[in-house]
Amino acid sequence: MVITVHGGHNANVPGASSLLDEVREDRIITALVIQKLRALGFTVYDTTDDMGMTPNAVLRNVVSNSNSYNADLNVAIHFNAGAYDLAGDGRTTGTEVLVYSRESP
């Protein structure tokens, strides 16, 4: 199985930054996910984009990078914005899972 993994955003388009630095943190998680998947025997490519200057450019670059590997699975690592939950009151939002398959259910 071929898998592509990318960390979201980049220094030019930083994403979430109030509770944590999304770019720094998702790069850490991306590297760990890639390491673990490779240890399990998968072929894994890092398709993180650090060059795009706009959100659309980053997305285009990631899609182009990922499509070049004809991967079976594409994984994006993000830390989406929350409800500014500094106190930890349980109102934080941002969990997101998107699944796309060419096969019908």
PDB file of N, CA and C in Angstrom:
ATOM      1  N   MET A   1       0.851  -1.175   0.000  1.00  0.00           N
ATOM      2  CA  MET A   1       0.000   0.000   0.000  1.00  0.00           C
ATOM      3  C   MET A   1       0.895   1.236   0.000  1.00  0.00           C
ATOM      4  N   VAL A   2       0.534   2.205  -0.837  1.00  0.00           N
ATOM      5  CA  VAL A   2       1.253   3.472  -0.914  1.00  0.00           C
ATOM      6  C   VAL A   2       0.421   4.533  -0.201  1.00  0.00           C
ATOM      7  N   ILE A   3       1.061   5.274   0.691  1.00  0.00           N
ATOM      8  CA  ILE A   3       0.378   6.289   1.489  1.00  0.00           C
ATOM      9  C   ILE A   3       1.144   7.598   1.370  1.00  0.00           C
ATOM     10  N   THR A   4       0.418   8.694   1.182  1.00  0.00           N
ATOM     11  CA  THR A   4       1.036  10.017   1.272  1.00  0.00           C
ATOM     12  C   THR A   4       0.525  10.686   2.537  1.00  0.00           C
ATOM     13  N   VAL A   5       1.409  11.436   3.175  1.00  0.00           N
ATOM     14  CA  VAL A   5       1.069  12.145   4.407  1.00  0.00           C
ATOM     15  C   VAL A   5       1.613  13.560   4.281  1.00  0.00           C
ATOM     16  N   HIS A   6       0.802  14.529   4.671  1.00  0.00           N
ATOM     17  CA  HIS A   6       1.316  15.899   4.677  1.00  0.00           C
ATOM     18  C   HIS A   6       0.855  16.668   5.900  1.00  0.00           C
ATOM     19  N   GLY A   7       1.741  17.539   6.348  1.00  0.00           N
ATOM     20  CA  GLY A   7       1.407  18.484   7.407  1.00  0.00           C
ATOM     21  C   GLY A   7       0.712  19.672   6.773  1.00  0.00           C
ATOM     22  N   GLY A   8      -0.341  20.137   7.390  1.00  0.00           N
ATOM     23  CA  GLY A   8      -1.117  21.234   6.826  1.00  0.00           C
ATOM     24  C   GLY A   8      -0.444  22.582   6.978  1.00  0.00           C
ATOM     25  N   HIS A   9      -0.822  23.470   6.058  1.00  0.00           N
ATOM     26  CA  HIS A   9      -0.352  24.843   6.081  1.00  0.00           C
ATOM     27  C   HIS A   9       1.177  24.909   5.914  1.00  0.00           C
ATOM     28  N   ASN A  10       1.734  26.084   6.115  1.00  0.00           N
ATOM     29  CA  ASN A  10       3.181  26.267   6.105  1.00  0.00           C
ATOM     30  C   ASN A  10       3.499  27.623   6.721  1.00  0.00           C
ATOM     31  N   ALA A  11       4.759  28.013   6.747  1.00  0.00           N
ATOM     32  CA  ALA A  11       5.148  29.279   7.365  1.00  0.00           C
ATOM     33  C   ALA A  11       4.498  30.479   6.676  1.00  0.00           C
ATOM     34  N   ASN A  12       4.205  30.362   5.388  1.00  0.00           N
ATOM     35  CA  ASN A  12       3.566  31.444   4.638  1.00  0.00           C
ATOM     36  C   ASN A  12       2.061  31.512   4.885  1.00  0.00           C
ATOM     37  N   VAL A  13       1.460  30.378   5.192  1.00  0.00           N
ATOM     38  CA  VAL A  13       0.019  30.251   5.420  1.00  0.00           C
ATOM     39  C   VAL A  13      -0.128  29.423   6.702  1.00  0.00           C
ATOM     40  N   PRO A  14       0.044  30.055   7.874  1.00  0.00           N
ATOM     41  CA  PRO A  14       0.277  29.298   9.111  1.00  0.00           C
ATOM     42  C   PRO A  14      -0.873  28.551   9.754  1.00  0.00           C
ATOM     43  N   GLY A  15      -2.104  28.810   9.463  1.00  0.00           N
ATOM     44  CA  GLY A  15      -3.182  28.088  10.137  1.00  0.00           C
ATOM     45  C   GLY A  15      -3.325  28.532  11.583  1.00  0.00           C
ATOM     46  N   ALA A  16      -3.796  27.624  12.439  1.00  0.00           N
ATOM     47  CA  ALA A  16      -4.062  27.938  13.845  1.00  0.00           C
ATOM     48  C   ALA A  16      -2.775  28.344  14.561  1.00  0.00           C
ATOM     49  N   SER A  17      -2.903  29.360  15.439  1.00  0.00           N
ATOM     50  CA  SER A  17      -1.701  29.804  16.148  1.00  0.00           C
ATOM     51  C   SER A  17      -1.964  30.330  17.546  1.00  0.00           C
ATOM     52  N   SER A  18      -3.192  30.314  18.036  1.00  0.00           N
ATOM     53  CA  SER A  18      -3.451  30.882  19.355  1.00  0.00           C
ATOM     54  C   SER A  18      -3.128  29.917  20.488  1.00  0.00           C
ATOM     55  N   LEU A  19      -3.622  28.693  20.420  1.00  0.00           N
ATOM     56  CA  LEU A  19      -3.353  27.723  21.477  1.00  0.00           C
ATOM     57  C   LEU A  19      -2.055  26.961  21.226  1.00  0.00           C
ATOM     58  N   LEU A  20      -1.688  26.827  19.970  1.00  0.00           N
ATOM     59  CA  LEU A  20      -0.438  26.165  19.587  1.00  0.00           C
ATOM     60  C   LEU A  20      -0.067  26.626  18.195  1.00  0.00           C
ATOM     61  N   ASP A  21       1.145  26.335  17.799  1.00  0.00           N
ATOM     62  CA  ASP A  21       1.617  26.656  16.455  1.00  0.00           C
ATOM     63  C   ASP A  21       1.328  25.452  15.571  1.00  0.00           C
ATOM     64  N   GLU A  22       0.275  25.555  14.761  1.00  0.00           N
ATOM     65  CA  GLU A  22      -0.170  24.415  13.962  1.00  0.00           C
ATOM     66  C   GLU A  22       0.936  23.882  13.061  1.00  0.00           C
ATOM     67  N   VAL A  23       1.678  24.765  12.408  1.00  0.00           N
ATOM     68  CA  VAL A  23       2.719  24.311  11.481  1.00  0.00           C
ATOM     69  C   VAL A  23       3.790  23.507  12.223  1.00  0.00           C
ATOM     70  N   ARG A  24       4.280  24.028  13.318  1.00  0.00           N
ATOM     71  CA  ARG A  24       5.308  23.316  14.081  1.00  0.00           C
ATOM     72  C   ARG A  24       4.792  21.972  14.579  1.00  0.00           C
ATOM     73  N   GLU A  25       3.604  21.973  15.165  1.00  0.00           N
ATOM     74  CA  GLU A  25       3.067  20.749  15.765  1.00  0.00           C
ATOM     75  C   GLU A  25       2.673  19.712  14.713  1.00  0.00           C
ATOM     76  N   ASP A  26       2.069  20.147  13.598  1.00  0.00           N
ATOM     77  CA  ASP A  26       1.667  19.125  12.624  1.00  0.00           C
ATOM     78  C   ASP A  26       2.875  18.530  11.917  1.00  0.00           C
ATOM     79  N   ARG A  27       3.990  19.270  11.832  1.00  0.00           N
ATOM     80  CA  ARG A  27       5.215  18.695  11.254  1.00  0.00           C
ATOM     81  C   ARG A  27       5.774  17.597  12.158  1.00  0.00           C
ATOM     82  N   ILE A  28       5.674  17.795  13.452  1.00  0.00           N
ATOM     83  CA  ILE A  28       6.131  16.775  14.406  1.00  0.00           C
ATOM     84  C   ILE A  28       5.292  15.507  14.255  1.00  0.00           C
ATOM     85  N   ILE A  29       3.970  15.678  14.234  1.00  0.00           N
ATOM     86  CA  ILE A  29       3.066  14.528  14.116  1.00  0.00           C
ATOM     87  C   ILE A  29       3.226  13.861  12.755  1.00  0.00           C
ATOM     88  N   THR A  30       3.367  14.654  11.693  1.00  0.00           N
ATOM     89  CA  THR A  30       3.555  14.103  10.351  1.00  0.00           C
ATOM     90  C   THR A  30       4.772  13.189  10.310  1.00  0.00           C
ATOM     91  N   ALA A  31       5.891  13.651  10.856  1.00  0.00           N
ATOM     92  CA  ALA A  31       7.114  12.841  10.865  1.00  0.00           C
ATOM     93  C   ALA A  31       6.920  11.550  11.648  1.00  0.00           C
ATOM     94  N   LEU A  32       6.219  11.615  12.773  1.00  0.00           N
ATOM     95  CA  LEU A  32       5.975  10.416  13.574  1.00  0.00           C
ATOM     96  C   LEU A  32       5.045   9.434  12.859  1.00  0.00           C
ATOM     97  N   VAL A  33       3.994   9.949  12.225  1.00  0.00           N
ATOM     98  CA  VAL A  33       3.069   9.077  11.480  1.00  0.00           C
ATOM     99  C   VAL A  33       3.811   8.374  10.349  1.00  0.00           C
ATOM    100  N   ILE A  34       4.627   9.118   9.618  1.00  0.00           N
ATOM    101  CA  ILE A  34       5.400   8.525   8.520  1.00  0.00           C
ATOM    102  C   ILE A  34       6.341   7.449   9.053  1.00  0.00           C
ATOM    103  N   GLN A  35       7.020   7.749  10.135  1.00  0.00           N
ATOM    104  CA  GLN A  35       7.947   6.786  10.742  1.00  0.00           C
ATOM    105  C   GLN A  35       7.218   5.507  11.140  1.00  0.00           C
ATOM    106  N   LYS A  36       6.075   5.641  11.787  1.00  0.00           N
ATOM    107  CA  LYS A  36       5.311   4.472  12.239  1.00  0.00           C
ATOM    108  C   LYS A  36       4.780   3.654  11.062  1.00  0.00           C
ATOM    109  N   LEU A  37       4.256   4.339  10.047  1.00  0.00           N
ATOM    110  CA  LEU A  37       3.725   3.625   8.884  1.00  0.00           C
ATOM    111  C   LEU A  37       4.830   2.872   8.138  1.00  0.00           C
ATOM    112  N   ARG A  38       5.986   3.507   8.001  1.00  0.00           N
ATOM    113  CA  ARG A  38       7.110   2.829   7.344  1.00  0.00           C
ATOM    114  C   ARG A  38       7.565   1.618   8.157  1.00  0.00           C
ATOM    115  N   ALA A  39       7.555   1.746   9.485  1.00  0.00           N
ATOM    116  CA  ALA A  39       7.934   0.630  10.350  1.00  0.00           C
ATOM    117  C   ALA A  39       6.965  -0.541  10.188  1.00  0.00           C
ATOM    118  N   LEU A  40       5.731  -0.238   9.813  1.00  0.00           N
ATOM    119  CA  LEU A  40       4.732  -1.284   9.576  1.00  0.00           C
ATOM    120  C   LEU A  40       4.837  -1.871   8.164  1.00  0.00           C
ATOM    121  N   GLY A  41       5.750  -1.344   7.365  1.00  0.00           N
ATOM    122  CA  GLY A  41       5.996  -1.898   6.043  1.00  0.00           C
ATOM    123  C   GLY A  41       5.324  -1.185   4.882  1.00  0.00           C
ATOM    124  N   PHE A  42       4.663  -0.069   5.147  1.00  0.00           N
ATOM    125  CA  PHE A  42       4.013   0.668   4.071  1.00  0.00           C
ATOM    126  C   PHE A  42       5.021   1.541   3.335  1.00  0.00           C
ATOM    127  N   THR A  43       4.740   1.811   2.070  1.00  0.00           N
ATOM    128  CA  THR A  43       5.499   2.791   1.308  1.00  0.00           C
ATOM    129  C   THR A  43       4.841   4.132   1.573  1.00  0.00           C
ATOM    130  N   VAL A  44       5.605   5.081   2.126  1.00  0.00           N
ATOM    131  CA  VAL A  44       5.026   6.354   2.559  1.00  0.00           C
ATOM    132  C   VAL A  44       5.842   7.515   2.009  1.00  0.00           C
ATOM    133  N   TYR A  45       5.141   8.517   1.496  1.00  0.00           N
ATOM    134  CA  TYR A  45       5.778   9.724   0.980  1.00  0.00           C
ATOM    135  C   TYR A  45       5.256  10.938   1.733  1.00  0.00           C
ATOM    136  N   ASP A  46       6.156  11.839   2.073  1.00  0.00           N
ATOM    137  CA  ASP A  46       5.787  13.101   2.703  1.00  0.00           C
ATOM    138  C   ASP A  46       5.494  14.102   1.596  1.00  0.00           C
ATOM    139  N   THR A  47       4.258  14.555   1.508  1.00  0.00           N
ATOM    140  CA  THR A  47       3.865  15.491   0.454  1.00  0.00           C
ATOM    141  C   THR A  47       3.551  16.876   1.014  1.00  0.00           C
ATOM    142  N   THR A  48       4.157  17.198   2.157  1.00  0.00           N
ATOM    143  CA  THR A  48       3.991  18.507   2.785  1.00  0.00           C
ATOM    144  C   THR A  48       4.484  19.598   1.853  1.00  0.00           C
ATOM    145  N   ASP A  49       3.754  20.694   1.789  1.00  0.00           N
ATOM    146  CA  ASP A  49       4.150  21.841   0.965  1.00  0.00           C
ATOM    147  C   ASP A  49       4.640  22.977   1.851  1.00  0.00           C
ATOM    148  N   ASP A  50       5.862  23.407   1.640  1.00  0.00           N
ATOM    149  CA  ASP A  50       6.400  24.553   2.373  1.00  0.00           C
ATOM    150  C   ASP A  50       6.635  25.761   1.473  1.00  0.00           C
ATOM    151  N   MET A  51       6.139  25.704   0.238  1.00  0.00           N
ATOM    152  CA  MET A  51       6.410  26.766  -0.729  1.00  0.00           C
ATOM    153  C   MET A  51       5.205  27.658  -1.045  1.00  0.00           C
ATOM    154  N   GLY A  52       3.998  27.123  -0.970  1.00  0.00           N
ATOM    155  CA  GLY A  52       2.803  27.889  -1.348  1.00  0.00           C
ATOM    156  C   GLY A  52       2.678  29.173  -0.557  1.00  0.00           C
ATOM    157  N   MET A  53       2.219  30.221  -1.238  1.00  0.00           N
ATOM    158  CA  MET A  53       2.101  31.541  -0.613  1.00  0.00           C
ATOM    159  C   MET A  53       0.662  31.898  -0.244  1.00  0.00           C
ATOM    160  N   THR A  54      -0.292  31.080  -0.674  1.00  0.00           N
ATOM    161  CA  THR A  54      -1.706  31.302  -0.365  1.00  0.00           C
ATOM    162  C   THR A  54      -2.319  29.952   0.002  1.00  0.00           C
ATOM    163  N   PRO A  55      -3.476  29.951   0.676  1.00  0.00           N
ATOM    164  CA  PRO A  55      -4.120  28.671   0.977  1.00  0.00           C
ATOM    165  C   PRO A  55      -4.371  27.831  -0.276  1.00  0.00           C
ATOM    166  N   ASN A  56      -4.831  28.463  -1.351  1.00  0.00           N
ATOM    167  CA  ASN A  56      -5.095  27.712  -2.582  1.00  0.00           C
ATOM    168  C   ASN A  56      -3.818  27.147  -3.183  1.00  0.00           C
ATOM    169  N   ALA A  57      -2.716  27.902  -3.116  1.00  0.00           N
ATOM    170  CA  ALA A  57      -1.440  27.405  -3.652  1.00  0.00           C
ATOM    171  C   ALA A  57      -0.952  26.211  -2.846  1.00  0.00           C
ATOM    172  N   VAL A  58      -1.086  26.279  -1.518  1.00  0.00           N
ATOM    173  CA  VAL A  58      -0.682  25.149  -0.677  1.00  0.00           C
ATOM    174  C   VAL A  58      -1.506  23.920  -1.038  1.00  0.00           C
ATOM    175  N   LEU A  59      -2.811  24.082  -1.153  1.00  0.00           N
ATOM    176  CA  LEU A  59      -3.686  22.959  -1.500  1.00  0.00           C
ATOM    177  C   LEU A  59      -3.330  22.386  -2.871  1.00  0.00           C
ATOM    178  N   ARG A  60      -3.141  23.257  -3.860  1.00  0.00           N
ATOM    179  CA  ARG A  60      -2.765  22.780  -5.199  1.00  0.00           C
ATOM    180  C   ARG A  60      -1.468  21.988  -5.149  1.00  0.00           C
ATOM    181  N   ASN A  61      -0.476  22.503  -4.420  1.00  0.00           N
ATOM    182  CA  ASN A  61       0.816  21.816  -4.334  1.00  0.00           C
ATOM    183  C   ASN A  61       0.691  20.462  -3.648  1.00  0.00           C
ATOM    184  N   VAL A  62      -0.063  20.412  -2.560  1.00  0.00           N
ATOM    185  CA  VAL A  62      -0.245  19.148  -1.840  1.00  0.00           C
ATOM    186  C   VAL A  62      -0.964  18.133  -2.728  1.00  0.00           C
ATOM    187  N   VAL A  63      -2.018  18.560  -3.402  1.00  0.00           N
ATOM    188  CA  VAL A  63      -2.761  17.647  -4.283  1.00  0.00           C
ATOM    189  C   VAL A  63      -1.858  17.151  -5.406  1.00  0.00           C
ATOM    190  N   SER A  64      -1.101  18.055  -6.010  1.00  0.00           N
ATOM    191  CA  SER A  64      -0.193  17.663  -7.091  1.00  0.00           C
ATOM    192  C   SER A  64       0.868  16.683  -6.583  1.00  0.00           C
ATOM    193  N   ASN A  65       1.455  17.006  -5.426  1.00  0.00           N
ATOM    194  CA  ASN A  65       2.467  16.113  -4.832  1.00  0.00           C
ATOM    195  C   ASN A  65       1.870  14.741  -4.545  1.00  0.00           C
ATOM    196  N   SER A  66       0.699  14.721  -3.932  1.00  0.00           N
ATOM    197  CA  SER A  66       0.065  13.452  -3.561  1.00  0.00           C
ATOM    198  C   SER A  66      -0.327  12.644  -4.790  1.00  0.00           C
ATOM    199  N   ASN A  67      -0.906  13.302  -5.785  1.00  0.00           N
ATOM    200  CA  ASN A  67      -1.336  12.593  -6.992  1.00  0.00           C
ATOM    201  C   ASN A  67      -0.158  12.009  -7.763  1.00  0.00           C
ATOM    202  N   SER A  68       1.014  12.594  -7.637  1.00  0.00           N
ATOM    203  CA  SER A  68       2.178  12.093  -8.375  1.00  0.00           C
ATOM    204  C   SER A  68       2.601  10.699  -7.910  1.00  0.00           C
ATOM    205  N   TYR A  69       2.168  10.286  -6.733  1.00  0.00           N
ATOM    206  CA  TYR A  69       2.519   8.969  -6.198  1.00  0.00           C
ATOM    207  C   TYR A  69       1.438   7.920  -6.415  1.00  0.00           C
ATOM    208  N   ASN A  70       0.291   8.317  -6.959  1.00  0.00           N
ATOM    209  CA  ASN A  70      -0.807   7.373  -7.175  1.00  0.00           C
ATOM    210  C   ASN A  70      -1.081   6.559  -5.907  1.00  0.00           C
ATOM    211  N   ALA A  71      -1.205   7.270  -4.795  1.00  0.00           N
ATOM    212  CA  ALA A  71      -1.346   6.638  -3.485  1.00  0.00           C
ATOM    213  C   ALA A  71      -2.697   5.969  -3.300  1.00  0.00           C
ATOM    214  N   ASP A  72      -2.700   4.966  -2.446  1.00  0.00           N
ATOM    215  CA  ASP A  72      -3.936   4.292  -2.047  1.00  0.00           C
ATOM    216  C   ASP A  72      -4.653   5.077  -0.955  1.00  0.00           C
ATOM    217  N   LEU A  73      -3.889   5.856  -0.199  1.00  0.00           N
ATOM    218  CA  LEU A  73      -4.435   6.617   0.919  1.00  0.00           C
ATOM    219  C   LEU A  73      -3.654   7.914   1.045  1.00  0.00           C
ATOM    220  N   ASN A  74      -4.376   9.023   1.218  1.00  0.00           N
ATOM    221  CA  ASN A  74      -3.765  10.335   1.455  1.00  0.00           C
ATOM    222  C   ASN A  74      -4.195  10.808   2.834  1.00  0.00           C
ATOM    223  N   VAL A  75      -3.232  11.192   3.660  1.00  0.00           N
ATOM    224  CA  VAL A  75      -3.510  11.621   5.023  1.00  0.00           C
ATOM    225  C   VAL A  75      -3.021  13.054   5.207  1.00  0.00           C
ATOM    226  N   ALA A  76      -3.894  13.909   5.726  1.00  0.00           N
ATOM    227  CA  ALA A  76      -3.545  15.299   6.027  1.00  0.00           C
ATOM    228  C   ALA A  76      -3.564  15.483   7.536  1.00  0.00           C
ATOM    229  N   ILE A  77      -2.498  16.062   8.070  1.00  0.00           N
ATOM    230  CA  ILE A  77      -2.404  16.311   9.512  1.00  0.00           C
ATOM    231  C   ILE A  77      -2.641  17.805   9.752  1.00  0.00           C
ATOM    232  N   HIS A  78      -3.688  18.126  10.512  1.00  0.00           N
ATOM    233  CA  HIS A  78      -4.033  19.511  10.851  1.00  0.00           C
ATOM    234  C   HIS A  78      -4.405  19.595  12.323  1.00  0.00           C
ATOM    235  N   PHE A  79      -4.309  20.770  12.869  1.00  0.00           N
ATOM    236  CA  PHE A  79      -4.861  21.080  14.183  1.00  0.00           C
ATOM    237  C   PHE A  79      -5.816  22.239  13.954  1.00  0.00           C
ATOM    238  N   ASN A  80      -7.066  21.925  13.642  1.00  0.00           N
ATOM    239  CA  ASN A  80      -8.019  22.948  13.278  1.00  0.00           C
ATOM    240  C   ASN A  80      -8.288  23.904  14.424  1.00  0.00           C
ATOM    241  N   ALA A  81      -8.763  25.090  14.061  1.00  0.00           N
ATOM    242  CA  ALA A  81      -9.070  26.119  15.052  1.00  0.00           C
ATOM    243  C   ALA A  81     -10.115  25.606  16.038  1.00  0.00           C
ATOM    244  N   GLY A  82     -10.023  26.065  17.252  1.00  0.00           N
ATOM    245  CA  GLY A  82     -10.967  25.670  18.279  1.00  0.00           C
ATOM    246  C   GLY A  82     -11.825  26.835  18.715  1.00  0.00           C
ATOM    247  N   ALA A  83     -12.498  26.679  19.822  1.00  0.00           N
ATOM    248  CA  ALA A  83     -13.385  27.709  20.353  1.00  0.00           C
ATOM    249  C   ALA A  83     -12.631  28.598  21.332  1.00  0.00           C
ATOM    250  N   TYR A  84     -11.326  28.757  21.140  1.00  0.00           N
ATOM    251  CA  TYR A  84     -10.458  29.530  22.032  1.00  0.00           C
ATOM    252  C   TYR A  84     -10.668  29.082  23.473  1.00  0.00           C
ATOM    253  N   ASP A  85     -10.452  27.796  23.680  1.00  0.00           N
ATOM    254  CA  ASP A  85     -10.749  27.113  24.934  1.00  0.00           C
ATOM    255  C   ASP A  85      -9.523  27.060  25.847  1.00  0.00           C
ATOM    256  N   LEU A  86      -8.971  28.214  26.197  1.00  0.00           N
ATOM    257  CA  LEU A  86      -7.773  28.251  27.039  1.00  0.00           C
ATOM    258  C   LEU A  86      -8.002  27.624  28.412  1.00  0.00           C
ATOM    259  N   ALA A  87      -9.222  27.741  28.928  1.00  0.00           N
ATOM    260  CA  ALA A  87      -9.526  27.203  30.251  1.00  0.00           C
ATOM    261  C   ALA A  87      -9.835  25.711  30.217  1.00  0.00           C
ATOM    262  N   GLY A  88     -10.030  25.157  29.030  1.00  0.00           N
ATOM    263  CA  GLY A  88     -10.358  23.735  28.931  1.00  0.00           C
ATOM    264  C   GLY A  88     -11.756  23.424  29.402  1.00  0.00           C
ATOM    265  N   ASP A  89     -12.700  24.251  29.008  1.00  0.00           N
ATOM    266  CA  ASP A  89     -14.073  24.069  29.481  1.00  0.00           C
ATOM    267  C   ASP A  89     -14.899  23.121  28.625  1.00  0.00           C
ATOM    268  N   GLY A  90     -14.274  22.429  27.685  1.00  0.00           N
ATOM    269  CA  GLY A  90     -14.982  21.438  26.902  1.00  0.00           C
ATOM    270  C   GLY A  90     -15.707  21.968  25.684  1.00  0.00           C
ATOM    271  N   ARG A  91     -15.541  23.236  25.358  1.00  0.00           N
ATOM    272  CA  ARG A  91     -16.232  23.801  24.198  1.00  0.00           C
ATOM    273  C   ARG A  91     -15.358  23.796  22.942  1.00  0.00           C
ATOM    274  N   THR A  92     -14.178  23.211  23.024  1.00  0.00           N
ATOM    275  CA  THR A  92     -13.273  23.216  21.886  1.00  0.00           C
ATOM    276  C   THR A  92     -13.872  22.435  20.725  1.00  0.00           C
ATOM    277  N   THR A  93     -13.699  22.976  19.541  1.00  0.00           N
ATOM    278  CA  THR A  93     -14.200  22.351  18.323  1.00  0.00           C
ATOM    279  C   THR A  93     -13.036  22.098  17.377  1.00  0.00           C
ATOM    280  N   GLY A  94     -13.292  21.458  16.270  1.00  0.00           N
ATOM    281  CA  GLY A  94     -12.265  21.340  15.247  1.00  0.00           C
ATOM    282  C   GLY A  94     -11.935  19.941  14.784  1.00  0.00           C
ATOM    283  N   THR A  95     -12.499  18.905  15.385  1.00  0.00           N
ATOM    284  CA  THR A  95     -12.215  17.552  14.916  1.00  0.00           C
ATOM    285  C   THR A  95     -12.902  17.336  13.578  1.00  0.00           C
ATOM    286  N   GLU A  96     -12.146  16.769  12.643  1.00  0.00           N
ATOM    287  CA  GLU A  96     -12.688  16.606  11.297  1.00  0.00           C
ATOM    288  C   GLU A  96     -12.080  15.363  10.666  1.00  0.00           C
ATOM    289  N   VAL A  97     -12.931  14.529  10.104  1.00  0.00           N
ATOM    290  CA  VAL A  97     -12.481  13.351   9.372  1.00  0.00           C
ATOM    291  C   VAL A  97     -13.233  13.321   8.053  1.00  0.00           C
ATOM    292  N   LEU A  98     -12.493  13.303   6.972  1.00  0.00           N
ATOM    293  CA  LEU A  98     -13.102  13.225   5.646  1.00  0.00           C
ATOM    294  C   LEU A  98     -12.640  11.937   4.995  1.00  0.00           C
ATOM    295  N   VAL A  99     -13.572  11.191   4.449  1.00  0.00           N
ATOM    296  CA  VAL A  99     -13.240   9.936   3.788  1.00  0.00           C
ATOM    297  C   VAL A  99     -13.837   9.979   2.384  1.00  0.00           C
ATOM    298  N   TYR A 100     -13.009   9.648   1.425  1.00  0.00           N
ATOM    299  CA  TYR A 100     -13.459   9.604   0.035  1.00  0.00           C
ATOM    300  C   TYR A 100     -13.042   8.270  -0.543  1.00  0.00           C
ATOM    301  N   SER A 101     -13.964   7.618  -1.210  1.00  0.00           N
ATOM    302  CA  SER A 101     -13.667   6.347  -1.844  1.00  0.00           C
ATOM    303  C   SER A 101     -14.271   6.340  -3.238  1.00  0.00           C
ATOM    304  N   ARG A 102     -13.570   5.745  -4.167  1.00  0.00           N
ATOM    305  CA  ARG A 102     -14.103   5.610  -5.512  1.00  0.00           C
ATOM    306  C   ARG A 102     -15.081   4.455  -5.598  1.00  0.00           C
ATOM    307  N   GLU A 103     -15.111   3.626  -4.574  1.00  0.00           N
ATOM    308  CA  GLU A 103     -16.007   2.475  -4.539  1.00  0.00           C
ATOM    309  C   GLU A 103     -17.297   2.859  -3.841  1.00  0.00           C
ATOM    310  N   SER A 104     -18.414   2.328  -4.309  1.00  0.00           N
ATOM    311  CA  SER A 104     -19.673   2.608  -3.644  1.00  0.00           C
ATOM    312  C   SER A 104     -19.762   1.784  -2.358  1.00  0.00           C
ATOM    313  N   PRO A 105     -20.488   2.315  -1.386  1.00  0.00           N
ATOM    314  CA  PRO A 105     -20.594   1.624  -0.080  1.00  0.00           C
ATOM    315  C   PRO A 105     -21.271   0.288  -0.162  1.00  0.00           C
TER     316      PRO A 105
END
